[in-house]
Amino acid sequence: MRSAFIPAILVAAALGLGGCAGQAPSQEFGKQDVDQIRQAIQGFVTAYNAKDVEKIGSYFSANAAIMPPNRSTLRGLDLVKGYYEGRLKDEGATDLQVEPEAIDGHGPLAFVVATFSLDLKGPDGSKTQHDRGKVVWVLRKYAGQWKFEWQIMSSDLPPGPPAQ
């Protein structure tokens, strides 16, 4: 009787474990995630062109970091918003356009590779200068919302003269 009992326990354990496998959280990254990220990018662009720094900040996580071209890395939401405030007011950034080339991910992490273009005040403050470049975003899903965690930008413009 004892020898028949052990296989029964093993079968029951195997079935129990098999049933648990269906309960694991999904790590799939699907069309719905891509659509949400596209909406976040469009919202970011709209806020940027409206010069709404608070709204821009709402697309970043609290511990976000950005790596702007020819500048040091900025960590934390306050520094991210400060960068955008200077970019929009001091540098006169306008007419941002972003074209995603790739959006992919797994589980709560995603990335976007895109090109951008925008206009800036020229070095003398009067002539408008057109800029274009590349951007990579790393996003994390928080409570069902995708937030920019890292932003890495590269401008096609040559670096300006060194600061005095």
N, C-alpha and C. Protein backbone atom coordinates (compact mmCIF):
# COMPACT_ATOMS: atom_id res chain seq x y z
N MET A 1 0.81 -1.18 0.00
CA MET A 1 0.00 0.00 0.00
C MET A 1 0.86 1.25 0.00
N ARG A 2 1.94 1.19 0.74
CA ARG A 2 2.83 2.34 0.85
C ARG A 2 3.45 2.67 -0.49
N SER A 3 3.80 1.68 -1.31
CA SER A 3 4.43 1.93 -2.60
C SER A 3 3.46 2.58 -3.57
N ALA A 4 2.18 2.36 -3.47
CA ALA A 4 1.18 2.99 -4.33
C ALA A 4 0.93 4.44 -3.90
N PHE A 5 1.16 4.76 -2.64
CA PHE A 5 0.92 6.08 -2.10
C PHE A 5 1.94 7.10 -2.61
N ILE A 6 3.22 6.74 -2.72
CA ILE A 6 4.28 7.65 -3.15
C ILE A 6 4.06 8.14 -4.58
N PRO A 7 3.78 7.26 -5.56
CA PRO A 7 3.52 7.77 -6.91
C PRO A 7 2.31 8.70 -6.95
N ALA A 8 1.30 8.45 -6.15
CA ALA A 8 0.12 9.31 -6.13
C ALA A 8 0.49 10.71 -5.65
N ILE A 9 1.35 10.78 -4.65
CA ILE A 9 1.80 12.08 -4.14
C ILE A 9 2.62 12.81 -5.21
N LEU A 10 3.52 12.09 -5.88
CA LEU A 10 4.33 12.71 -6.93
C LEU A 10 3.46 13.24 -8.07
N VAL A 11 2.45 12.50 -8.48
CA VAL A 11 1.55 12.94 -9.55
C VAL A 11 0.78 14.18 -9.10
N ALA A 12 0.29 14.16 -7.87
CA ALA A 12 -0.46 15.31 -7.35
C ALA A 12 0.43 16.55 -7.28
N ALA A 13 1.68 16.37 -6.84
CA ALA A 13 2.61 17.49 -6.76
C ALA A 13 2.90 18.04 -8.14
N ALA A 14 3.12 17.16 -9.12
CA ALA A 14 3.39 17.60 -10.49
C ALA A 14 2.21 18.37 -11.06
N LEU A 15 1.01 17.90 -10.84
CA LEU A 15 -0.18 18.59 -11.32
C LEU A 15 -0.33 19.95 -10.63
N GLY A 16 -0.05 19.98 -9.34
CA GLY A 16 -0.13 21.24 -8.60
C GLY A 16 0.85 22.27 -9.11
N LEU A 17 2.08 21.84 -9.36
CA LEU A 17 3.08 22.76 -9.88
C LEU A 17 2.73 23.21 -11.29
N GLY A 18 2.21 22.30 -12.08
CA GLY A 18 1.80 22.66 -13.44
C GLY A 18 0.70 23.70 -13.42
N GLY A 19 -0.22 23.59 -12.49
CA GLY A 19 -1.29 24.56 -12.37
C GLY A 19 -0.79 25.92 -11.95
N CYS A 20 0.25 25.95 -11.11
CA CYS A 20 0.83 27.23 -10.67
C CYS A 20 1.51 27.96 -11.81
N ALA A 21 2.03 27.22 -12.77
CA ALA A 21 2.74 27.86 -13.88
C ALA A 21 1.82 28.80 -14.64
N GLY A 22 0.55 28.50 -14.71
CA GLY A 22 -0.39 29.37 -15.41
C GLY A 22 -0.69 30.64 -14.63
N GLN A 23 -0.30 30.73 -13.39
CA GLN A 23 -0.61 31.89 -12.56
C GLN A 23 0.50 32.93 -12.55
N ALA A 24 1.64 32.66 -13.20
CA ALA A 24 2.75 33.61 -13.19
C ALA A 24 2.35 34.87 -13.95
N PRO A 25 2.83 36.04 -13.50
CA PRO A 25 2.50 37.27 -14.20
C PRO A 25 3.09 37.25 -15.61
N SER A 26 2.37 37.82 -16.53
CA SER A 26 2.78 37.83 -17.93
C SER A 26 3.97 38.77 -18.13
N GLN A 27 4.96 38.30 -18.88
CA GLN A 27 6.11 39.13 -19.22
C GLN A 27 6.04 39.55 -20.69
N GLU A 28 4.89 39.31 -21.30
CA GLU A 28 4.75 39.65 -22.71
C GLU A 28 4.68 41.16 -22.89
N PHE A 29 5.26 41.61 -23.97
CA PHE A 29 5.23 43.01 -24.36
C PHE A 29 4.47 43.04 -25.67
N GLY A 30 3.31 43.65 -25.67
CA GLY A 30 2.46 43.56 -26.84
C GLY A 30 2.07 44.89 -27.45
N LYS A 31 1.14 44.80 -28.36
CA LYS A 31 0.67 45.97 -29.10
C LYS A 31 0.13 47.04 -28.16
N GLN A 32 -0.56 46.63 -27.10
CA GLN A 32 -1.10 47.61 -26.15
C GLN A 32 0.02 48.42 -25.51
N ASP A 33 1.13 47.77 -25.17
CA ASP A 33 2.28 48.49 -24.60
C ASP A 33 2.86 49.46 -25.62
N VAL A 34 3.02 49.01 -26.85
CA VAL A 34 3.55 49.88 -27.91
C VAL A 34 2.65 51.09 -28.08
N ASP A 35 1.34 50.87 -28.11
CA ASP A 35 0.39 51.97 -28.26
C ASP A 35 0.48 52.96 -27.10
N GLN A 36 0.59 52.45 -25.86
CA GLN A 36 0.72 53.34 -24.70
C GLN A 36 2.00 54.16 -24.77
N ILE A 37 3.09 53.54 -25.22
CA ILE A 37 4.36 54.27 -25.33
C ILE A 37 4.27 55.32 -26.43
N ARG A 38 3.65 54.98 -27.55
CA ARG A 38 3.46 55.98 -28.62
C ARG A 38 2.65 57.17 -28.11
N GLN A 39 1.62 56.89 -27.30
CA GLN A 39 0.81 57.97 -26.73
C GLN A 39 1.66 58.83 -25.78
N ALA A 40 2.52 58.19 -24.99
CA ALA A 40 3.40 58.95 -24.08
C ALA A 40 4.35 59.84 -24.88
N ILE A 41 4.90 59.32 -25.95
CA ILE A 41 5.80 60.14 -26.78
C ILE A 41 5.04 61.32 -27.36
N GLN A 42 3.84 61.07 -27.88
CA GLN A 42 3.05 62.17 -28.45
C GLN A 42 2.69 63.19 -27.38
N GLY A 43 2.33 62.73 -26.19
CA GLY A 43 2.04 63.65 -25.10
C GLY A 43 3.25 64.48 -24.71
N PHE A 44 4.41 63.83 -24.67
CA PHE A 44 5.66 64.54 -24.37
C PHE A 44 5.93 65.62 -25.43
N VAL A 45 5.78 65.28 -26.70
CA VAL A 45 6.00 66.25 -27.79
C VAL A 45 5.02 67.41 -27.68
N THR A 46 3.76 67.11 -27.41
CA THR A 46 2.75 68.16 -27.27
C THR A 46 3.09 69.09 -26.11
N ALA A 47 3.47 68.53 -24.97
CA ALA A 47 3.85 69.34 -23.80
C ALA A 47 5.10 70.17 -24.11
N TYR A 48 6.06 69.59 -24.80
CA TYR A 48 7.30 70.29 -25.16
C TYR A 48 6.97 71.50 -26.03
N ASN A 49 6.16 71.30 -27.05
CA ASN A 49 5.83 72.39 -27.97
C ASN A 49 4.94 73.44 -27.32
N ALA A 50 4.23 73.06 -26.25
CA ALA A 50 3.42 74.02 -25.48
C ALA A 50 4.27 74.69 -24.39
N LYS A 51 5.53 74.28 -24.26
CA LYS A 51 6.46 74.79 -23.24
C LYS A 51 5.94 74.55 -21.82
N ASP A 52 5.29 73.41 -21.61
CA ASP A 52 4.69 73.04 -20.33
C ASP A 52 5.64 72.10 -19.58
N VAL A 53 6.54 72.68 -18.80
CA VAL A 53 7.59 71.91 -18.13
C VAL A 53 7.00 70.92 -17.12
N GLU A 54 5.96 71.30 -16.41
CA GLU A 54 5.33 70.38 -15.45
C GLU A 54 4.76 69.16 -16.16
N LYS A 55 4.11 69.37 -17.28
CA LYS A 55 3.54 68.25 -18.04
C LYS A 55 4.67 67.38 -18.60
N ILE A 56 5.75 68.00 -19.10
CA ILE A 56 6.91 67.23 -19.57
C ILE A 56 7.40 66.33 -18.44
N GLY A 57 7.53 66.87 -17.25
CA GLY A 57 8.00 66.11 -16.10
C GLY A 57 7.11 64.93 -15.76
N SER A 58 5.83 65.03 -16.08
CA SER A 58 4.90 63.94 -15.76
C SER A 58 5.17 62.68 -16.58
N TYR A 59 5.94 62.78 -17.64
CA TYR A 59 6.26 61.62 -18.47
C TYR A 59 7.53 60.89 -17.99
N PHE A 60 8.20 61.45 -16.98
CA PHE A 60 9.42 60.86 -16.44
C PHE A 60 9.17 60.26 -15.07
N SER A 61 9.93 59.21 -14.73
CA SER A 61 9.84 58.64 -13.39
C SER A 61 10.53 59.57 -12.40
N ALA A 62 10.28 59.36 -11.12
CA ALA A 62 10.86 60.21 -10.08
C ALA A 62 12.39 60.14 -10.07
N ASN A 63 12.96 59.00 -10.45
CA ASN A 63 14.42 58.86 -10.44
C ASN A 63 15.00 58.84 -11.86
N ALA A 64 14.34 59.53 -12.78
CA ALA A 64 14.78 59.57 -14.17
C ALA A 64 16.15 60.24 -14.30
N ALA A 65 16.82 59.92 -15.39
CA ALA A 65 18.10 60.56 -15.72
C ALA A 65 18.10 60.84 -17.21
N ILE A 66 18.71 61.97 -17.59
CA ILE A 66 18.86 62.29 -19.00
C ILE A 66 20.33 62.57 -19.29
N MET A 67 20.71 62.23 -20.50
CA MET A 67 22.08 62.45 -20.98
C MET A 67 22.00 63.31 -22.24
N PRO A 68 21.93 64.65 -22.05
CA PRO A 68 21.81 65.53 -23.21
C PRO A 68 23.14 65.62 -23.96
N PRO A 69 23.08 66.02 -25.24
CA PRO A 69 24.32 66.14 -25.99
C PRO A 69 25.24 67.20 -25.39
N ASN A 70 26.51 66.88 -25.32
CA ASN A 70 27.55 67.82 -24.89
C ASN A 70 27.33 68.39 -23.49
N ARG A 71 26.69 67.62 -22.63
CA ARG A 71 26.43 68.05 -21.25
C ARG A 71 26.56 66.86 -20.32
N SER A 72 26.63 67.14 -19.06
CA SER A 72 26.71 66.09 -18.05
C SER A 72 25.36 65.40 -17.87
N THR A 73 25.40 64.20 -17.32
CA THR A 73 24.18 63.47 -17.00
C THR A 73 23.44 64.18 -15.87
N LEU A 74 22.13 64.28 -16.00
CA LEU A 74 21.29 64.90 -14.99
C LEU A 74 20.40 63.82 -14.39
N ARG A 75 20.43 63.67 -13.07
CA ARG A 75 19.67 62.61 -12.39
C ARG A 75 18.64 63.22 -11.45
N GLY A 76 17.44 62.70 -11.55
CA GLY A 76 16.35 63.15 -10.68
C GLY A 76 15.39 64.06 -11.43
N LEU A 77 14.14 63.97 -11.07
CA LEU A 77 13.08 64.68 -11.77
C LEU A 77 13.27 66.20 -11.75
N ASP A 78 13.73 66.75 -10.64
CA ASP A 78 13.93 68.21 -10.57
C ASP A 78 14.98 68.68 -11.58
N LEU A 79 16.08 67.94 -11.71
CA LEU A 79 17.10 68.32 -12.68
C LEU A 79 16.62 68.11 -14.12
N VAL A 80 15.83 67.08 -14.34
CA VAL A 80 15.26 66.84 -15.67
C VAL A 80 14.36 68.02 -16.05
N LYS A 81 13.48 68.42 -15.15
CA LYS A 81 12.59 69.54 -15.43
C LYS A 81 13.39 70.84 -15.59
N GLY A 82 14.43 71.02 -14.80
CA GLY A 82 15.29 72.19 -14.94
C GLY A 82 15.95 72.26 -16.31
N TYR A 83 16.39 71.10 -16.80
CA TYR A 83 16.99 71.04 -18.14
C TYR A 83 15.97 71.51 -19.19
N TYR A 84 14.76 70.98 -19.10
CA TYR A 84 13.74 71.35 -20.09
C TYR A 84 13.31 72.80 -19.96
N GLU A 85 13.27 73.31 -18.75
CA GLU A 85 12.94 74.73 -18.58
C GLU A 85 13.98 75.60 -19.28
N GLY A 86 15.26 75.30 -19.09
CA GLY A 86 16.31 76.05 -19.77
C GLY A 86 16.27 75.85 -21.28
N ARG A 87 16.02 74.65 -21.69
CA ARG A 87 15.98 74.34 -23.13
C ARG A 87 14.87 75.13 -23.81
N LEU A 88 13.72 75.21 -23.18
CA LEU A 88 12.57 75.88 -23.78
C LEU A 88 12.66 77.40 -23.67
N LYS A 89 13.11 77.90 -22.52
CA LYS A 89 13.13 79.35 -22.31
C LYS A 89 14.44 79.98 -22.79
N ASP A 90 15.56 79.50 -22.32
CA ASP A 90 16.84 80.12 -22.65
C ASP A 90 17.29 79.82 -24.08
N GLU A 91 17.09 78.57 -24.51
CA GLU A 91 17.53 78.17 -25.84
C GLU A 91 16.44 78.34 -26.89
N GLY A 92 15.24 78.68 -26.46
CA GLY A 92 14.14 78.93 -27.39
C GLY A 92 13.72 77.73 -28.22
N ALA A 93 13.79 76.54 -27.66
CA ALA A 93 13.44 75.33 -28.40
C ALA A 93 11.96 75.36 -28.78
N THR A 94 11.68 75.05 -30.04
CA THR A 94 10.31 75.00 -30.56
C THR A 94 10.21 73.91 -31.62
N ASP A 95 8.98 73.60 -31.96
CA ASP A 95 8.65 72.71 -33.07
C ASP A 95 9.35 71.36 -33.00
N LEU A 96 9.28 70.72 -31.83
CA LEU A 96 9.85 69.37 -31.68
C LEU A 96 9.02 68.38 -32.47
N GLN A 97 9.71 67.51 -33.18
CA GLN A 97 9.08 66.38 -33.86
C GLN A 97 9.91 65.15 -33.53
N VAL A 98 9.25 64.05 -33.22
CA VAL A 98 9.92 62.80 -32.88
C VAL A 98 9.35 61.70 -33.78
N GLU A 99 10.25 60.94 -34.39
CA GLU A 99 9.86 59.81 -35.24
C GLU A 99 10.44 58.52 -34.66
N PRO A 100 9.62 57.74 -33.95
CA PRO A 100 10.12 56.46 -33.42
C PRO A 100 10.52 55.51 -34.56
N GLU A 101 11.67 54.88 -34.40
CA GLU A 101 12.13 53.88 -35.37
C GLU A 101 11.96 52.47 -34.81
N ALA A 102 12.02 52.34 -33.49
CA ALA A 102 11.86 51.03 -32.86
C ALA A 102 11.27 51.24 -31.47
N ILE A 103 10.30 50.40 -31.12
CA ILE A 103 9.73 50.35 -29.77
C ILE A 103 9.62 48.87 -29.44
N ASP A 104 10.26 48.47 -28.35
CA ASP A 104 10.23 47.06 -27.95
C ASP A 104 10.44 46.97 -26.45
N GLY A 105 10.20 45.81 -25.90
CA GLY A 105 10.39 45.64 -24.47
C GLY A 105 10.09 44.23 -24.03
N HIS A 106 10.17 44.06 -22.71
CA HIS A 106 9.85 42.79 -22.07
C HIS A 106 9.44 43.09 -20.63
N GLY A 107 8.30 42.60 -20.25
CA GLY A 107 7.84 42.84 -18.89
C GLY A 107 7.69 44.32 -18.63
N PRO A 108 8.22 44.84 -17.51
CA PRO A 108 8.04 46.24 -17.16
C PRO A 108 9.10 47.18 -17.75
N LEU A 109 9.95 46.67 -18.64
CA LEU A 109 10.99 47.52 -19.26
C LEU A 109 10.77 47.60 -20.77
N ALA A 110 11.03 48.77 -21.32
CA ALA A 110 10.91 48.98 -22.76
C ALA A 110 11.96 49.97 -23.21
N PHE A 111 12.15 50.04 -24.52
CA PHE A 111 13.04 51.05 -25.08
C PHE A 111 12.44 51.61 -26.35
N VAL A 112 12.84 52.85 -26.65
CA VAL A 112 12.45 53.52 -27.89
C VAL A 112 13.72 54.06 -28.51
N VAL A 113 13.88 53.84 -29.79
CA VAL A 113 14.95 54.46 -30.58
C VAL A 113 14.23 55.36 -31.56
N ALA A 114 14.61 56.64 -31.61
CA ALA A 114 13.90 57.59 -32.45
C ALA A 114 14.85 58.66 -32.99
N THR A 115 14.36 59.37 -33.99
CA THR A 115 15.04 60.58 -34.46
C THR A 115 14.18 61.76 -34.03
N PHE A 116 14.82 62.92 -33.92
CA PHE A 116 14.07 64.13 -33.57
C PHE A 116 14.55 65.29 -34.42
N SER A 117 13.72 66.31 -34.48
CA SER A 117 14.13 67.58 -35.07
C SER A 117 13.43 68.68 -34.28
N LEU A 118 14.06 69.85 -34.23
CA LEU A 118 13.49 71.01 -33.55
C LEU A 118 14.24 72.26 -33.99
N ASP A 119 13.71 73.40 -33.60
CA ASP A 119 14.36 74.67 -33.87
C ASP A 119 14.83 75.28 -32.57
N LEU A 120 15.99 75.94 -32.63
CA LEU A 120 16.59 76.62 -31.47
C LEU A 120 16.98 78.03 -31.87
N LYS A 121 17.07 78.92 -30.87
CA LYS A 121 17.65 80.23 -31.13
C LYS A 121 19.10 80.02 -31.51
N GLY A 122 19.58 80.78 -32.47
CA GLY A 122 20.98 80.70 -32.85
C GLY A 122 21.88 81.26 -31.77
N PRO A 123 23.20 81.08 -31.91
CA PRO A 123 24.14 81.56 -30.89
C PRO A 123 24.01 83.05 -30.61
N ASP A 124 23.62 83.84 -31.63
CA ASP A 124 23.49 85.29 -31.41
C ASP A 124 22.11 85.66 -30.88
N GLY A 125 21.22 84.69 -30.74
CA GLY A 125 19.91 84.93 -30.16
C GLY A 125 18.85 85.36 -31.16
N SER A 126 19.23 85.63 -32.40
CA SER A 126 18.23 86.11 -33.35
C SER A 126 17.91 85.08 -34.44
N LYS A 127 18.91 84.48 -34.99
CA LYS A 127 18.71 83.55 -36.10
C LYS A 127 18.31 82.17 -35.55
N THR A 128 17.29 81.59 -36.16
CA THR A 128 16.86 80.25 -35.74
C THR A 128 17.77 79.21 -36.36
N GLN A 129 18.10 78.23 -35.55
CA GLN A 129 18.97 77.14 -35.97
C GLN A 129 18.17 75.84 -35.91
N HIS A 130 18.19 75.08 -36.99
CA HIS A 130 17.47 73.81 -37.03
C HIS A 130 18.40 72.71 -36.52
N ASP A 131 17.91 71.90 -35.61
CA ASP A 131 18.68 70.78 -35.07
C ASP A 131 17.94 69.50 -35.37
N ARG A 132 18.69 68.45 -35.52
CA ARG A 132 18.12 67.10 -35.63
C ARG A 132 19.11 66.16 -34.97
N GLY A 133 18.61 64.99 -34.59
CA GLY A 133 19.49 64.05 -33.92
C GLY A 133 18.76 62.76 -33.60
N LYS A 134 19.33 62.04 -32.63
CA LYS A 134 18.81 60.75 -32.20
C LYS A 134 18.50 60.78 -30.71
N VAL A 135 17.56 59.93 -30.32
CA VAL A 135 17.23 59.81 -28.90
C VAL A 135 16.93 58.34 -28.61
N VAL A 136 17.37 57.89 -27.45
CA VAL A 136 17.03 56.57 -26.94
C VAL A 136 16.39 56.78 -25.58
N TRP A 137 15.21 56.21 -25.42
CA TRP A 137 14.53 56.23 -24.13
C TRP A 137 14.47 54.82 -23.59
N VAL A 138 14.72 54.68 -22.30
CA VAL A 138 14.45 53.44 -21.58
C VAL A 138 13.27 53.77 -20.67
N LEU A 139 12.22 52.97 -20.77
CA LEU A 139 11.01 53.21 -20.01
C LEU A 139 10.76 52.07 -19.02
N ARG A 140 10.06 52.41 -17.95
CA ARG A 140 9.65 51.41 -16.96
C ARG A 140 8.16 51.62 -16.71
N LYS A 141 7.46 50.51 -16.54
CA LYS A 141 6.02 50.56 -16.30
C LYS A 141 5.77 50.64 -14.80
N TYR A 142 5.13 51.73 -14.36
CA TYR A 142 4.77 51.95 -12.97
C TYR A 142 3.25 52.00 -12.87
N ALA A 143 2.67 51.09 -12.11
CA ALA A 143 1.21 51.08 -11.89
C ALA A 143 0.45 51.23 -13.20
N GLY A 144 0.89 50.50 -14.22
CA GLY A 144 0.20 50.49 -15.50
C GLY A 144 0.55 51.62 -16.45
N GLN A 145 1.46 52.52 -16.04
CA GLN A 145 1.84 53.64 -16.90
C GLN A 145 3.32 53.57 -17.24
N TRP A 146 3.63 53.79 -18.51
CA TRP A 146 5.02 53.82 -18.96
C TRP A 146 5.62 55.19 -18.69
N LYS A 147 6.79 55.21 -18.04
CA LYS A 147 7.49 56.46 -17.71
C LYS A 147 8.91 56.38 -18.26
N PHE A 148 9.41 57.52 -18.73
CA PHE A 148 10.80 57.58 -19.17
C PHE A 148 11.71 57.47 -17.96
N GLU A 149 12.61 56.52 -17.99
CA GLU A 149 13.56 56.29 -16.90
C GLU A 149 14.93 56.87 -17.29
N TRP A 150 15.33 56.66 -18.52
CA TRP A 150 16.58 57.19 -19.06
C TRP A 150 16.30 57.80 -20.42
N GLN A 151 16.96 58.90 -20.71
CA GLN A 151 16.87 59.53 -22.02
C GLN A 151 18.30 59.88 -22.44
N ILE A 152 18.68 59.40 -23.60
CA ILE A 152 20.02 59.65 -24.13
C ILE A 152 19.85 60.33 -25.48
N MET A 153 20.40 61.53 -25.63
CA MET A 153 20.22 62.31 -26.86
C MET A 153 21.56 62.54 -27.55
N SER A 154 21.49 62.64 -28.85
CA SER A 154 22.66 62.95 -29.66
C SER A 154 22.23 63.93 -30.74
N SER A 155 22.86 65.09 -30.78
CA SER A 155 22.54 66.11 -31.78
C SER A 155 23.45 65.95 -32.99
N ASP A 156 22.92 66.25 -34.16
CA ASP A 156 23.75 66.26 -35.37
C ASP A 156 24.50 67.59 -35.53
N LEU A 157 24.16 68.59 -34.70
CA LEU A 157 24.89 69.86 -34.74
C LEU A 157 26.26 69.69 -34.07
N PRO A 158 27.27 70.38 -34.56
CA PRO A 158 28.56 70.32 -33.85
C PRO A 158 28.45 71.02 -32.50
N PRO A 159 29.28 70.62 -31.55
CA PRO A 159 29.24 71.29 -30.22
C PRO A 159 29.56 72.77 -30.38
N GLY A 160 28.95 73.57 -29.50
CA GLY A 160 29.22 75.01 -29.50
C GLY A 160 30.57 75.30 -28.91
N PRO A 161 30.95 76.57 -28.90
CA PRO A 161 32.24 76.95 -28.31
C PRO A 161 32.24 76.66 -26.81
N PRO A 162 33.41 76.38 -26.24
CA PRO A 162 33.47 76.10 -24.80
C PRO A 162 33.02 77.30 -23.98
N ALA A 163 32.39 77.01 -22.84
CA ALA A 163 31.94 78.06 -21.93
C ALA A 163 33.14 78.81 -21.38
N GLN A 164 32.96 80.10 -21.19
CA GLN A 164 34.03 80.96 -20.68
C GLN A 164 34.21 80.74 -19.19
